[in-house]
Amino acid sequence: MDSDAIRRWRARFAEKGVDGVGVIAKGRGRKPSLPPGTVAEVVRITQHEEPADGSTHWTTRSLARRLGIGKDAVAGIWSDHNLKPWRVDTFKISNDPHFEQKLVDVVGLYMNPPERAVLFSFDEKTQCQALDRTQPSLPLRPGRAGTMTYDYKRHGTTDLFAALNVTNGKVLTHCRTSHAAVDVLKFFKRIDASVARSLEIHVVLDNLSAHKAPEITEWLAHPRRERWHLHFTPTSSSWVNLVERWFKELTDKRLRRGVFTSVPELIAAIEKWVEHWNKDPKPFVWHTPAADIIEKVQRGRAALHQIKSTTDH
């Protein structure tokens, strides 16, 4: 660097301090190479048009060819405007006519659990598969992830029943060969036996027909089950049921990479993992008020209605 440049940097430092060093002054530096309006056109096409070849979304190269610019320019514009056309997020807005009422009920329980009661979040994880890999997995090493074959041998399935104690995070589980009403009833009896008679029982669960079968309603109608209270989540809203978050823990940490040569081996592995979980349980704390969720859902419904109205015409 020549002496004049050094003097200029020293003068800049003396005038503006550290924040002024290394900053390109306004009007200096490389001039934009894209024609006027290109950025807005990239954003518009990305959001509102599809490629002529029928592809579902644009790539940097396909959009660059369309506009006659470089792929790096497209990538930079996407980054500046936080556009990610290669990604897609799934969603489902509940059409339950009693959505708001059920949501307020369940979220209210999570955020303000009833006194002298045990609150459970209950569901079944059906068809847990005992999968045995066709070849041994390679161990984790520096610079290389652990591996496992993509193909496997099936050795049967089991249905896992789980009731998460929302307050302390402990989980009551049982594996069965099916998840019919008779299986639900037997698990409900296990829940009933695990709770002191002096406490009420509140259970959050989904709208599976087996949960409302005559066997269940008749059992709950008995005077000895007056302490039982079922709280059904809105349809298409499994995310409201906290036990689903626990199922994710089980799947990620024990089942997905597990190798099981039989159903009994799978069940034993689940039971051992649950035993360790219950020694140091981690409750899942619900933070979002029902009103915030309802407002977001209403915005989603309005957006869907607008799209449907546009496409219908």
Protein backbone atom coordinates (compact mmCIF):
# COMPACT_ATOMS: atom_id res chain seq x y z
CA MET A 1 0.00 0.00 0.00
CA ASP A 2 1.44 3.39 -0.96
CA SER A 3 2.06 6.21 1.51
CA ASP A 4 -0.94 8.26 0.28
CA ALA A 5 -3.31 5.39 0.99
CA ILE A 6 -1.82 4.96 4.44
CA ARG A 7 -2.32 8.65 5.19
CA ARG A 8 -5.94 8.46 4.03
CA TRP A 9 -6.67 5.46 6.28
CA ARG A 10 -5.03 7.22 9.23
CA ALA A 11 -7.15 10.29 8.57
CA ARG A 12 -10.29 8.12 8.36
CA PHE A 13 -9.39 6.44 11.65
CA ALA A 14 -8.77 9.78 13.34
CA GLU A 15 -12.13 11.08 12.09
CA LYS A 16 -14.44 8.07 12.59
CA GLY A 17 -12.52 5.60 14.69
CA VAL A 18 -12.57 1.81 14.18
CA ASP A 19 -16.09 1.84 12.68
CA GLY A 20 -14.88 3.92 9.77
CA VAL A 21 -12.00 1.65 8.80
CA GLY A 22 -12.66 -0.86 6.03
CA VAL A 23 -16.03 0.69 5.08
CA ILE A 24 -16.51 1.63 1.45
CA ALA A 25 -17.64 5.23 1.22
CA LYS A 26 -20.94 6.02 -0.45
CA GLY A 27 -20.53 6.35 -4.22
CA ARG A 28 -17.27 4.42 -4.25
CA GLY A 29 -16.50 0.78 -4.98
CA ARG A 30 -17.82 -1.56 -7.65
CA LYS A 31 -20.86 -0.24 -9.51
CA PRO A 32 -23.95 -2.49 -9.89
CA SER A 33 -23.71 -4.65 -13.01
CA LEU A 34 -27.40 -5.63 -13.24
CA PRO A 35 -29.82 -3.64 -15.40
CA PRO A 36 -32.34 -1.50 -13.52
CA GLY A 37 -35.38 -3.47 -12.31
CA THR A 38 -33.61 -6.84 -12.40
CA VAL A 39 -33.75 -7.36 -8.65
CA ALA A 40 -37.48 -6.68 -8.50
CA GLU A 41 -38.06 -9.00 -11.47
CA VAL A 42 -36.10 -11.84 -9.86
CA VAL A 43 -38.20 -11.48 -6.71
CA ARG A 44 -41.46 -11.31 -8.66
CA ILE A 45 -40.78 -14.33 -10.86
CA THR A 46 -39.52 -16.39 -7.93
CA GLN A 47 -42.70 -15.77 -5.96
CA HIS A 48 -45.37 -15.74 -8.67
CA GLU A 49 -44.24 -17.74 -11.71
CA GLU A 50 -43.14 -21.28 -12.48
CA PRO A 51 -40.54 -22.46 -15.01
CA ALA A 52 -41.80 -23.12 -18.53
CA ASP A 53 -40.64 -26.75 -18.39
CA GLY A 54 -43.21 -27.52 -15.70
CA SER A 55 -40.79 -27.66 -12.79
CA THR A 56 -42.36 -26.83 -9.44
CA HIS A 57 -39.79 -24.19 -8.51
CA TRP A 58 -36.86 -22.18 -9.80
CA THR A 59 -33.18 -22.94 -9.38
CA THR A 60 -30.48 -20.30 -9.59
CA ARG A 61 -29.46 -21.61 -13.01
CA SER A 62 -32.96 -21.86 -14.49
CA LEU A 63 -33.88 -18.35 -13.37
CA ALA A 64 -30.52 -17.00 -14.51
CA ARG A 65 -31.15 -18.43 -18.00
CA ARG A 66 -34.62 -16.92 -18.02
CA LEU A 67 -33.31 -13.42 -17.30
CA GLY A 68 -29.90 -13.63 -18.95
CA ILE A 69 -27.92 -12.97 -15.76
CA GLY A 70 -25.45 -14.98 -13.71
CA LYS A 71 -26.58 -17.67 -11.28
CA ASP A 72 -24.55 -16.02 -8.51
CA ALA A 73 -26.53 -12.83 -9.03
CA VAL A 74 -29.77 -14.79 -8.56
CA ALA A 75 -28.37 -16.45 -5.44
CA GLY A 76 -27.39 -13.08 -4.02
CA ILE A 77 -30.83 -11.59 -4.64
CA TRP A 78 -32.52 -14.59 -3.03
CA SER A 79 -30.24 -14.26 -0.03
CA ASP A 80 -30.89 -10.51 0.29
CA HIS A 81 -34.67 -11.09 0.19
CA ASN A 82 -34.68 -14.28 2.27
CA LEU A 83 -36.18 -16.35 -0.56
CA LYS A 84 -35.62 -20.13 -0.48
CA PRO A 85 -37.56 -21.70 -3.37
CA TRP A 86 -35.76 -25.04 -2.93
CA ARG A 87 -37.47 -25.49 0.45
CA VAL A 88 -41.08 -26.28 1.23
CA ASP A 89 -42.72 -26.41 4.66
CA THR A 90 -45.78 -28.55 5.29
CA PHE A 91 -48.86 -27.30 7.10
CA LYS A 92 -52.45 -28.21 7.86
CA ILE A 93 -55.03 -25.76 9.13
CA SER A 94 -57.71 -27.47 11.15
CA ASN A 95 -61.26 -27.36 9.84
CA ASP A 96 -62.67 -28.39 13.20
CA PRO A 97 -65.78 -26.22 13.82
CA HIS A 98 -64.86 -26.22 17.53
CA PHE A 99 -61.18 -25.46 16.98
CA GLU A 100 -61.02 -22.36 19.15
CA GLN A 101 -62.96 -23.93 22.00
CA LYS A 102 -60.81 -27.09 22.09
CA LEU A 103 -57.56 -25.16 21.73
CA VAL A 104 -58.37 -22.81 24.58
CA ASP A 105 -59.27 -25.80 26.74
CA VAL A 106 -56.07 -27.75 26.07
CA VAL A 107 -53.66 -24.80 26.14
CA GLY A 108 -55.34 -23.55 29.29
CA LEU A 109 -54.60 -26.88 30.96
CA TYR A 110 -50.94 -26.72 29.89
CA MET A 111 -50.40 -23.17 31.10
CA ASN A 112 -52.49 -23.45 34.27
CA PRO A 113 -52.76 -27.12 35.33
CA PRO A 114 -55.61 -27.91 37.70
CA GLU A 115 -54.83 -28.34 41.40
CA ARG A 116 -55.05 -31.73 43.12
CA ALA A 117 -54.98 -33.44 39.74
CA VAL A 118 -52.61 -35.20 37.36
CA LEU A 119 -52.58 -33.96 33.77
CA PHE A 120 -51.59 -36.48 31.09
CA SER A 121 -50.94 -36.04 27.39
CA PHE A 122 -51.83 -39.37 25.78
CA ASP A 123 -51.44 -40.93 22.34
CA GLU A 124 -50.35 -44.05 20.50
CA LYS A 125 -47.27 -44.38 18.32
CA THR A 126 -48.51 -47.10 16.03
CA GLN A 127 -46.55 -49.49 13.85
CA CYS A 128 -43.17 -49.10 15.54
CA GLN A 129 -41.06 -51.35 13.34
CA ALA A 130 -38.39 -53.81 14.45
CA LEU A 131 -35.89 -53.12 11.66
CA ASP A 132 -32.66 -55.04 11.18
CA ARG A 133 -30.09 -53.60 8.76
CA THR A 134 -28.84 -55.89 5.99
CA GLN A 135 -25.19 -54.94 6.65
CA PRO A 136 -23.28 -53.80 9.74
CA SER A 137 -23.02 -50.06 10.30
CA LEU A 138 -19.66 -48.30 10.19
CA PRO A 139 -18.64 -46.44 13.35
CA LEU A 140 -18.23 -42.71 13.76
CA ARG A 141 -14.71 -41.45 13.01
CA PRO A 142 -13.07 -38.04 12.72
CA GLY A 143 -14.17 -36.57 9.41
CA ARG A 144 -16.79 -39.27 8.80
CA ALA A 145 -20.29 -39.67 10.17
CA GLY A 146 -21.57 -42.98 11.39
CA THR A 147 -23.27 -45.00 8.67
CA MET A 148 -26.08 -47.50 8.24
CA THR A 149 -27.51 -49.21 5.19
CA TYR A 150 -30.65 -47.78 3.63
CA ASP A 151 -32.22 -51.22 3.21
CA TYR A 152 -33.43 -53.39 6.06
CA LYS A 153 -35.28 -56.51 7.14
CA ARG A 154 -38.65 -56.16 8.84
CA HIS A 155 -39.29 -58.29 11.93
CA GLY A 156 -42.74 -57.07 12.89
CA THR A 157 -44.28 -54.09 14.65
CA THR A 158 -45.66 -52.98 17.98
CA ASP A 159 -48.03 -50.20 19.01
CA LEU A 160 -46.66 -47.99 21.75
CA PHE A 161 -49.12 -46.38 24.18
CA ALA A 162 -47.74 -43.41 26.11
CA ALA A 163 -49.12 -40.98 28.70
CA LEU A 164 -46.87 -38.02 29.46
CA ASN A 165 -47.28 -36.43 32.88
CA VAL A 166 -47.26 -32.79 31.79
CA THR A 167 -46.16 -31.51 35.18
CA ASN A 168 -43.12 -33.66 35.92
CA GLY A 169 -42.29 -35.11 32.47
CA LYS A 170 -42.51 -38.76 33.48
CA VAL A 171 -44.05 -41.14 30.96
CA LEU A 172 -46.24 -44.20 31.46
CA THR A 173 -45.95 -46.61 28.53
CA HIS A 174 -47.12 -49.99 27.34
CA CYS A 175 -46.60 -51.87 24.06
CA ARG A 176 -49.46 -53.82 22.51
CA THR A 177 -50.16 -55.67 19.28
CA SER A 178 -53.00 -53.33 18.28
CA HIS A 179 -54.61 -50.02 19.21
CA ALA A 180 -58.31 -50.90 19.24
CA ALA A 181 -60.77 -49.70 21.88
CA VAL A 182 -60.01 -52.69 24.10
CA ASP A 183 -56.31 -51.78 24.08
CA VAL A 184 -57.09 -48.14 24.90
CA LEU A 185 -59.29 -49.25 27.79
CA LYS A 186 -56.56 -51.45 29.24
CA PHE A 187 -54.10 -48.57 29.11
CA PHE A 188 -56.62 -46.21 30.70
CA LYS A 189 -56.89 -48.71 33.54
CA ARG A 190 -53.09 -48.58 33.92
CA ILE A 191 -53.28 -44.80 34.14
CA ASP A 192 -56.08 -45.03 36.69
CA ALA A 193 -54.10 -47.44 38.85
CA SER A 194 -51.00 -45.21 38.76
CA VAL A 195 -52.76 -42.14 40.22
CA ALA A 196 -53.68 -41.78 43.88
CA ARG A 197 -57.43 -42.00 44.48
CA SER A 198 -57.47 -38.53 46.04
CA LEU A 199 -56.41 -36.89 42.74
CA GLU A 200 -58.38 -36.00 39.63
CA ILE A 201 -57.20 -37.27 36.23
CA HIS A 202 -57.17 -35.02 33.15
CA VAL A 203 -56.17 -36.54 29.82
CA VAL A 204 -55.40 -34.64 26.59
CA LEU A 205 -55.93 -36.89 23.56
CA ASP A 206 -56.87 -36.82 19.90
CA ASN A 207 -60.13 -37.73 18.17
CA LEU A 208 -59.33 -41.34 17.23
CA SER A 209 -62.56 -43.34 17.12
CA ALA A 210 -61.13 -45.87 19.58
CA HIS A 211 -60.88 -43.09 22.17
CA LYS A 212 -64.65 -42.56 22.00
CA ALA A 213 -65.77 -46.18 21.57
CA PRO A 214 -68.65 -47.55 23.66
CA GLU A 215 -66.22 -49.56 25.82
CA ILE A 216 -64.47 -46.35 26.80
CA THR A 217 -67.57 -44.23 27.40
CA GLU A 218 -69.22 -46.99 29.46
CA TRP A 219 -66.12 -47.40 31.62
CA LEU A 220 -65.82 -43.66 32.17
CA ALA A 221 -69.54 -43.39 33.02
CA HIS A 222 -69.07 -45.50 36.14
CA PRO A 223 -69.27 -43.46 39.38
CA ARG A 224 -65.77 -44.62 40.32
CA ARG A 225 -64.40 -42.77 37.24
CA GLU A 226 -65.92 -39.41 38.12
CA ARG A 227 -62.41 -38.10 38.56
CA TRP A 228 -61.64 -38.70 34.87
CA HIS A 229 -61.82 -35.78 32.42
CA LEU A 230 -60.99 -36.14 28.72
CA HIS A 231 -59.90 -33.10 26.69
CA PHE A 232 -59.89 -33.67 22.93
CA THR A 233 -57.50 -31.73 20.71
CA PRO A 234 -58.85 -30.09 17.53
CA THR A 235 -58.81 -32.33 14.47
CA SER A 236 -55.65 -32.12 12.33
CA SER A 237 -53.80 -30.58 15.26
CA SER A 238 -51.47 -33.26 16.58
CA TRP A 239 -48.96 -30.50 17.42
CA VAL A 240 -51.20 -29.53 20.34
CA ASN A 241 -50.57 -32.88 22.02
CA LEU A 242 -47.36 -32.59 24.06
CA VAL A 243 -46.69 -36.33 24.05
CA GLU A 244 -45.91 -36.00 20.33
CA ARG A 245 -42.82 -34.03 21.34
CA TRP A 246 -41.77 -36.91 23.57
CA PHE A 247 -42.32 -39.38 20.72
CA LYS A 248 -39.84 -37.31 18.72
CA GLU A 249 -37.24 -37.70 21.47
CA LEU A 250 -37.75 -41.45 21.50
CA THR A 251 -37.57 -41.71 17.72
CA ASP A 252 -34.49 -39.51 17.31
CA LYS A 253 -32.48 -40.95 20.18
CA ARG A 254 -33.44 -44.63 20.17
CA LEU A 255 -35.56 -45.89 17.29
CA ARG A 256 -34.35 -44.26 14.04
CA ARG A 257 -30.81 -45.67 14.21
CA GLY A 258 -31.72 -48.74 16.20
CA VAL A 259 -31.20 -52.31 14.98
CA PHE A 260 -33.76 -54.84 16.20
CA THR A 261 -33.96 -58.50 15.20
CA SER A 262 -37.36 -59.11 16.79
CA VAL A 263 -40.35 -57.34 18.28
CA PRO A 264 -39.44 -58.40 21.85
CA GLU A 265 -35.99 -56.86 21.33
CA LEU A 266 -37.63 -53.63 20.13
CA ILE A 267 -39.99 -53.55 23.11
CA ALA A 268 -37.11 -54.19 25.53
CA ALA A 269 -35.15 -51.31 23.99
CA ILE A 270 -38.14 -48.95 24.32
CA GLU A 271 -38.74 -49.97 27.93
CA LYS A 272 -35.08 -49.48 28.86
CA TRP A 273 -35.00 -46.03 27.24
CA VAL A 274 -38.23 -45.04 29.01
CA GLU A 275 -36.82 -46.28 32.33
CA HIS A 276 -33.79 -44.02 31.95
CA TRP A 277 -35.99 -41.10 30.83
CA ASN A 278 -38.13 -41.40 33.96
CA LYS A 279 -35.06 -41.29 36.21
CA ASP A 280 -34.34 -37.76 34.95
CA PRO A 281 -37.48 -36.58 33.15
CA LYS A 282 -37.61 -33.36 31.15
CA PRO A 283 -41.05 -31.69 31.14
CA PHE A 284 -42.05 -29.91 27.93
CA VAL A 285 -43.25 -26.41 28.82
CA TRP A 286 -45.95 -24.79 26.69
CA HIS A 287 -45.36 -21.06 26.23
CA THR A 288 -47.66 -19.77 23.47
CA PRO A 289 -51.06 -18.41 24.61
CA ALA A 290 -54.13 -19.74 22.82
CA ALA A 291 -55.03 -16.24 21.58
CA ASP A 292 -51.75 -15.99 19.64
CA ILE A 293 -52.33 -19.36 17.99
CA ILE A 294 -55.93 -18.51 17.08
CA GLU A 295 -54.81 -15.23 15.51
CA LYS A 296 -52.20 -17.06 13.41
CA VAL A 297 -54.71 -19.70 12.32
CA GLN A 298 -57.21 -17.01 11.34
CA ARG A 299 -54.56 -15.35 9.16
CA GLY A 300 -53.87 -18.72 7.55
CA ARG A 301 -57.53 -19.33 6.86
CA ALA A 302 -57.88 -15.88 5.31
CA ALA A 303 -54.86 -16.50 3.08
CA LEU A 304 -56.21 -19.87 1.96
CA HIS A 305 -59.62 -18.33 1.26
CA GLN A 306 -58.03 -15.59 -0.82
CA ILE A 307 -56.02 -18.13 -2.85
CA LYS A 308 -59.09 -20.32 -3.36
CA SER A 309 -61.16 -17.34 -4.45
CA THR A 310 -58.47 -16.32 -6.95
CA THR A 311 -58.08 -19.81 -8.44
CA ASP A 312 -61.85 -20.35 -8.66
CA HIS A 313 -62.08 -17.34 -10.90
